[in-house]
Amino acid sequence: MDSILLKDIDTATRIGISEKERSVPQRIKISVEIFLPLKKTGATGDLKFGIDYDLLIEIVKNFSSKEHKTIEALAEEIAGTILTKFSPKGGVTVTVKKKPYPDMNYAAVKIHRS
């Protein structure tokens, strides 16, 4: 199955279990991979057979502008919206990364929904 991949969209959000953790925006990176046939888009160059990247980025940034308790919840909201809006045949994979501690690269969740 073909896919569109937007990797490591850099944004900030208020996220965390505790109120203290959510009191300061944290940098996060969100990746979205949408599985759908792209042959027609490639053959015609017509975006009506594909998905506009700007719209995907807007969806991601819209959800990251809200407060969340977990990166899992953020990933679920993004995936649900993409499934509803675009109905991709192969589903969507959403990865959310954050850097909660200075001595680690990142913590992440990766979900696939269809």
N, C-alpha and C. Protein backbone atom coordinates (compact mmCIF):
# COMPACT_ATOMS: atom_id res chain seq x y z
N MET A 1 0.86 -1.18 0.00
CA MET A 1 0.00 0.00 0.00
C MET A 1 0.89 1.23 0.00
N ASP A 2 0.53 2.20 -0.80
CA ASP A 2 1.24 3.48 -0.85
C ASP A 2 0.95 4.26 0.43
N SER A 3 1.78 5.26 0.67
CA SER A 3 1.51 6.10 1.84
C SER A 3 2.07 7.50 1.65
N ILE A 4 1.50 8.43 2.39
CA ILE A 4 2.02 9.79 2.52
C ILE A 4 2.59 9.87 3.93
N LEU A 5 3.82 10.34 4.05
CA LEU A 5 4.48 10.42 5.35
C LEU A 5 4.93 11.85 5.62
N LEU A 6 4.45 12.41 6.71
CA LEU A 6 4.93 13.69 7.21
C LEU A 6 5.67 13.38 8.50
N LYS A 7 6.96 13.59 8.51
CA LYS A 7 7.79 13.14 9.63
C LYS A 7 8.24 14.30 10.50
N ASP A 8 8.06 14.11 11.80
CA ASP A 8 8.57 15.02 12.83
C ASP A 8 8.11 16.47 12.65
N ILE A 9 6.80 16.66 12.56
CA ILE A 9 6.25 18.02 12.56
C ILE A 9 6.55 18.60 13.93
N ASP A 10 7.28 19.69 13.95
CA ASP A 10 7.74 20.29 15.20
C ASP A 10 6.69 21.28 15.71
N THR A 11 6.22 21.07 16.92
CA THR A 11 5.21 21.94 17.50
C THR A 11 5.37 21.94 19.02
N ALA A 12 4.54 22.67 19.70
CA ALA A 12 4.57 22.71 21.17
C ALA A 12 3.17 22.49 21.69
N THR A 13 3.08 21.89 22.87
CA THR A 13 1.78 21.65 23.49
C THR A 13 1.94 21.59 25.00
N ARG A 14 0.84 21.76 25.67
CA ARG A 14 0.81 21.56 27.12
C ARG A 14 0.36 20.13 27.34
N ILE A 15 1.27 19.29 27.82
CA ILE A 15 0.98 17.87 27.93
C ILE A 15 1.60 17.32 29.20
N GLY A 16 0.90 16.41 29.85
CA GLY A 16 1.43 15.77 31.04
C GLY A 16 0.33 15.42 32.02
N ILE A 17 0.62 14.49 32.89
CA ILE A 17 -0.36 14.04 33.88
C ILE A 17 -0.59 15.12 34.94
N SER A 18 0.49 15.70 35.40
CA SER A 18 0.35 16.69 36.48
C SER A 18 0.09 18.09 35.92
N GLU A 19 -0.58 18.89 36.76
CA GLU A 19 -0.83 20.28 36.38
C GLU A 19 0.49 21.03 36.20
N LYS A 20 1.46 20.70 37.04
CA LYS A 20 2.78 21.35 36.95
C LYS A 20 3.42 21.07 35.58
N GLU A 21 3.35 19.83 35.14
CA GLU A 21 3.95 19.47 33.85
C GLU A 21 3.23 20.19 32.70
N ARG A 22 1.92 20.34 32.81
CA ARG A 22 1.14 21.02 31.76
C ARG A 22 1.23 22.54 31.83
N SER A 23 1.86 23.07 32.88
CA SER A 23 1.90 24.53 33.05
C SER A 23 2.82 25.22 32.05
N VAL A 24 3.74 24.47 31.45
CA VAL A 24 4.69 25.03 30.49
C VAL A 24 4.60 24.24 29.18
N PRO A 25 4.48 24.91 28.05
CA PRO A 25 4.45 24.17 26.78
C PRO A 25 5.74 23.38 26.57
N GLN A 26 5.59 22.18 26.03
CA GLN A 26 6.72 21.32 25.72
C GLN A 26 6.83 21.13 24.21
N ARG A 27 8.06 21.06 23.71
CA ARG A 27 8.27 20.77 22.29
C ARG A 27 7.97 19.30 22.06
N ILE A 28 7.23 19.03 21.01
CA ILE A 28 6.95 17.65 20.62
C ILE A 28 7.13 17.54 19.11
N LYS A 29 7.30 16.31 18.65
CA LYS A 29 7.38 16.03 17.22
C LYS A 29 6.31 14.99 16.90
N ILE A 30 5.55 15.26 15.85
CA ILE A 30 4.46 14.38 15.47
C ILE A 30 4.67 13.94 14.02
N SER A 31 4.60 12.64 13.81
CA SER A 31 4.68 12.08 12.45
C SER A 31 3.36 11.43 12.12
N VAL A 32 2.94 11.59 10.87
CA VAL A 32 1.69 11.01 10.39
C VAL A 32 1.98 10.27 9.09
N GLU A 33 1.56 9.01 9.04
CA GLU A 33 1.65 8.25 7.79
C GLU A 33 0.25 7.75 7.44
N ILE A 34 -0.20 8.15 6.26
CA ILE A 34 -1.54 7.80 5.80
C ILE A 34 -1.39 6.82 4.64
N PHE A 35 -2.05 5.68 4.77
CA PHE A 35 -1.94 4.61 3.77
C PHE A 35 -3.14 4.67 2.81
N LEU A 36 -2.84 4.97 1.55
CA LEU A 36 -3.87 5.09 0.53
C LEU A 36 -3.22 4.94 -0.84
N PRO A 37 -3.99 4.54 -1.84
CA PRO A 37 -3.43 4.42 -3.18
C PRO A 37 -3.07 5.79 -3.75
N LEU A 38 -1.88 5.90 -4.30
CA LEU A 38 -1.41 7.17 -4.85
C LEU A 38 -1.16 7.13 -6.36
N LYS A 39 -1.46 6.01 -6.98
CA LYS A 39 -1.18 5.85 -8.40
C LYS A 39 -1.90 6.91 -9.24
N LYS A 40 -3.17 7.16 -8.94
CA LYS A 40 -3.95 8.14 -9.72
C LYS A 40 -3.41 9.56 -9.52
N THR A 41 -3.03 9.88 -8.29
CA THR A 41 -2.45 11.20 -8.03
C THR A 41 -1.14 11.36 -8.80
N GLY A 42 -0.33 10.31 -8.78
CA GLY A 42 0.95 10.35 -9.50
C GLY A 42 0.77 10.45 -11.01
N ALA A 43 -0.22 9.74 -11.54
CA ALA A 43 -0.45 9.73 -12.98
C ALA A 43 -1.05 11.03 -13.49
N THR A 44 -1.91 11.64 -12.67
CA THR A 44 -2.62 12.84 -13.14
C THR A 44 -2.06 14.14 -12.58
N GLY A 45 -1.37 14.05 -11.44
CA GLY A 45 -0.91 15.28 -10.77
C GLY A 45 -2.05 16.02 -10.11
N ASP A 46 -3.20 15.38 -10.00
CA ASP A 46 -4.39 16.03 -9.44
C ASP A 46 -4.52 15.68 -7.96
N LEU A 47 -4.48 16.69 -7.12
CA LEU A 47 -4.52 16.52 -5.68
C LEU A 47 -5.86 15.97 -5.18
N LYS A 48 -6.90 16.03 -5.99
CA LYS A 48 -8.19 15.50 -5.53
C LYS A 48 -8.13 13.98 -5.31
N PHE A 49 -7.10 13.33 -5.83
CA PHE A 49 -6.91 11.90 -5.60
C PHE A 49 -5.93 11.63 -4.46
N GLY A 50 -5.43 12.67 -3.85
CA GLY A 50 -4.46 12.54 -2.76
C GLY A 50 -4.90 13.36 -1.56
N ILE A 51 -3.92 13.81 -0.79
CA ILE A 51 -4.20 14.59 0.42
C ILE A 51 -3.25 15.78 0.45
N ASP A 52 -3.79 16.92 0.76
CA ASP A 52 -3.03 18.16 0.85
C ASP A 52 -2.20 18.16 2.14
N TYR A 53 -0.87 18.25 2.01
CA TYR A 53 0.02 18.23 3.17
C TYR A 53 -0.27 19.39 4.12
N ASP A 54 -0.58 20.55 3.57
CA ASP A 54 -0.86 21.71 4.42
C ASP A 54 -2.05 21.44 5.34
N LEU A 55 -3.06 20.76 4.82
CA LEU A 55 -4.23 20.44 5.62
C LEU A 55 -3.87 19.46 6.74
N LEU A 56 -3.03 18.49 6.45
CA LEU A 56 -2.58 17.54 7.48
C LEU A 56 -1.80 18.26 8.58
N ILE A 57 -0.91 19.15 8.19
CA ILE A 57 -0.13 19.90 9.17
C ILE A 57 -1.06 20.77 10.02
N GLU A 58 -2.06 21.35 9.40
CA GLU A 58 -3.03 22.17 10.13
C GLU A 58 -3.78 21.32 11.17
N ILE A 59 -4.17 20.12 10.80
CA ILE A 59 -4.86 19.21 11.74
C ILE A 59 -3.95 18.90 12.92
N VAL A 60 -2.71 18.55 12.64
CA VAL A 60 -1.75 18.22 13.70
C VAL A 60 -1.54 19.40 14.64
N LYS A 61 -1.30 20.57 14.08
CA LYS A 61 -1.03 21.75 14.90
C LYS A 61 -2.27 22.20 15.67
N ASN A 62 -3.45 21.98 15.11
CA ASN A 62 -4.68 22.32 15.82
C ASN A 62 -4.81 21.48 17.10
N PHE A 63 -4.56 20.19 17.00
CA PHE A 63 -4.66 19.34 18.19
C PHE A 63 -3.53 19.63 19.17
N SER A 64 -2.36 19.97 18.68
CA SER A 64 -1.26 20.24 19.60
C SER A 64 -1.44 21.58 20.31
N SER A 65 -2.33 22.43 19.82
CA SER A 65 -2.58 23.70 20.50
C SER A 65 -3.47 23.52 21.73
N LYS A 66 -4.05 22.33 21.89
CA LYS A 66 -4.90 22.03 23.04
C LYS A 66 -4.08 21.31 24.12
N GLU A 67 -4.60 21.30 25.32
CA GLU A 67 -3.94 20.62 26.44
C GLU A 67 -4.31 19.14 26.46
N HIS A 68 -3.32 18.28 26.76
CA HIS A 68 -3.55 16.83 26.82
C HIS A 68 -2.83 16.27 28.03
N LYS A 69 -3.38 15.19 28.58
CA LYS A 69 -2.72 14.54 29.72
C LYS A 69 -1.65 13.55 29.25
N THR A 70 -1.85 12.94 28.09
CA THR A 70 -0.88 11.95 27.61
C THR A 70 -0.63 12.11 26.12
N ILE A 71 0.54 11.65 25.68
CA ILE A 71 0.82 11.65 24.25
C ILE A 71 -0.05 10.60 23.54
N GLU A 72 -0.48 9.58 24.28
CA GLU A 72 -1.38 8.59 23.71
C GLU A 72 -2.71 9.24 23.32
N ALA A 73 -3.24 10.08 24.21
CA ALA A 73 -4.52 10.76 23.92
C ALA A 73 -4.38 11.68 22.71
N LEU A 74 -3.27 12.39 22.63
CA LEU A 74 -3.03 13.28 21.49
C LEU A 74 -2.97 12.47 20.19
N ALA A 75 -2.26 11.36 20.20
CA ALA A 75 -2.15 10.51 19.01
C ALA A 75 -3.52 9.98 18.58
N GLU A 76 -4.34 9.56 19.54
CA GLU A 76 -5.68 9.04 19.23
C GLU A 76 -6.56 10.11 18.59
N GLU A 77 -6.51 11.34 19.11
CA GLU A 77 -7.33 12.41 18.55
C GLU A 77 -6.93 12.73 17.11
N ILE A 78 -5.63 12.79 16.86
CA ILE A 78 -5.16 13.08 15.51
C ILE A 78 -5.57 11.95 14.56
N ALA A 79 -5.34 10.71 14.97
CA ALA A 79 -5.69 9.57 14.12
C ALA A 79 -7.19 9.54 13.82
N GLY A 80 -8.01 9.77 14.83
CA GLY A 80 -9.46 9.75 14.64
C GLY A 80 -9.94 10.80 13.66
N THR A 81 -9.37 11.99 13.76
CA THR A 81 -9.75 13.07 12.84
C THR A 81 -9.34 12.75 11.41
N ILE A 82 -8.13 12.23 11.23
CA ILE A 82 -7.66 11.88 9.89
C ILE A 82 -8.52 10.78 9.28
N LEU A 83 -8.88 9.77 10.09
CA LEU A 83 -9.74 8.70 9.58
C LEU A 83 -11.11 9.24 9.16
N THR A 84 -11.67 10.12 9.96
CA THR A 84 -12.98 10.69 9.65
C THR A 84 -12.93 11.58 8.42
N LYS A 85 -11.91 12.40 8.33
CA LYS A 85 -11.83 13.41 7.25
C LYS A 85 -11.43 12.80 5.90
N PHE A 86 -10.52 11.80 5.92
CA PHE A 86 -9.96 11.31 4.66
C PHE A 86 -10.31 9.85 4.33
N SER A 87 -10.77 9.07 5.28
CA SER A 87 -11.10 7.65 5.09
C SER A 87 -10.01 6.89 4.33
N PRO A 88 -8.76 6.94 4.78
CA PRO A 88 -7.70 6.24 4.05
C PRO A 88 -7.91 4.73 4.10
N LYS A 89 -7.78 4.08 2.94
CA LYS A 89 -8.05 2.65 2.82
C LYS A 89 -7.19 1.79 3.74
N GLY A 90 -5.94 2.19 3.94
CA GLY A 90 -5.04 1.39 4.77
C GLY A 90 -4.86 1.93 6.17
N GLY A 91 -5.62 2.97 6.52
CA GLY A 91 -5.54 3.52 7.86
C GLY A 91 -4.47 4.59 8.00
N VAL A 92 -4.14 4.90 9.25
CA VAL A 92 -3.19 5.96 9.56
C VAL A 92 -2.32 5.54 10.73
N THR A 93 -1.06 5.91 10.68
CA THR A 93 -0.15 5.71 11.79
C THR A 93 0.27 7.09 12.30
N VAL A 94 0.17 7.29 13.60
CA VAL A 94 0.56 8.55 14.22
C VAL A 94 1.61 8.26 15.29
N THR A 95 2.71 8.99 15.23
CA THR A 95 3.77 8.88 16.22
C THR A 95 3.92 10.24 16.89
N VAL A 96 3.94 10.24 18.22
CA VAL A 96 4.14 11.48 18.98
C VAL A 96 5.36 11.27 19.88
N LYS A 97 6.33 12.19 19.77
CA LYS A 97 7.55 12.12 20.57
C LYS A 97 7.66 13.36 21.45
N LYS A 98 8.12 13.15 22.67
CA LYS A 98 8.45 14.29 23.53
C LYS A 98 9.72 13.96 24.30
N LYS A 99 10.38 14.98 24.79
CA LYS A 99 11.64 14.81 25.50
C LYS A 99 11.43 15.20 26.96
N PRO A 100 10.96 14.25 27.78
CA PRO A 100 10.62 14.61 29.16
C PRO A 100 11.83 14.75 30.08
N TYR A 101 12.95 14.16 29.71
CA TYR A 101 14.13 14.18 30.58
C TYR A 101 15.37 14.53 29.76
N PRO A 102 16.29 15.28 30.33
CA PRO A 102 17.47 15.69 29.57
C PRO A 102 18.41 14.54 29.21
N ASP A 103 18.34 13.44 29.94
CA ASP A 103 19.27 12.33 29.68
C ASP A 103 18.70 11.25 28.77
N MET A 104 17.67 11.58 28.01
CA MET A 104 17.13 10.65 27.02
C MET A 104 16.79 11.41 25.74
N ASN A 105 16.82 10.69 24.63
CA ASN A 105 16.52 11.33 23.34
C ASN A 105 15.05 11.73 23.27
N TYR A 106 14.15 10.77 23.51
CA TYR A 106 12.72 11.07 23.53
C TYR A 106 11.94 9.88 24.07
N ALA A 107 10.70 10.14 24.46
CA ALA A 107 9.70 9.11 24.76
C ALA A 107 8.66 9.23 23.66
N ALA A 108 8.09 8.11 23.23
CA ALA A 108 7.16 8.18 22.09
C ALA A 108 6.07 7.13 22.19
N VAL A 109 4.98 7.42 21.49
CA VAL A 109 3.95 6.42 21.22
C VAL A 109 3.75 6.38 19.72
N LYS A 110 3.40 5.20 19.23
CA LYS A 110 3.12 5.03 17.81
C LYS A 110 1.87 4.16 17.73
N ILE A 111 0.83 4.69 17.09
CA ILE A 111 -0.42 3.93 16.97
C ILE A 111 -0.79 3.80 15.49
N HIS A 112 -1.47 2.74 15.17
CA HIS A 112 -2.03 2.57 13.83
C HIS A 112 -3.53 2.31 14.00
N ARG A 113 -4.33 3.09 13.30
CA ARG A 113 -5.79 2.92 13.35
C ARG A 113 -6.33 2.84 11.92
N SER A 114 -7.36 2.01 11.75
CA SER A 114 -7.99 1.91 10.42
C SER A 114 -9.49 1.73 10.57
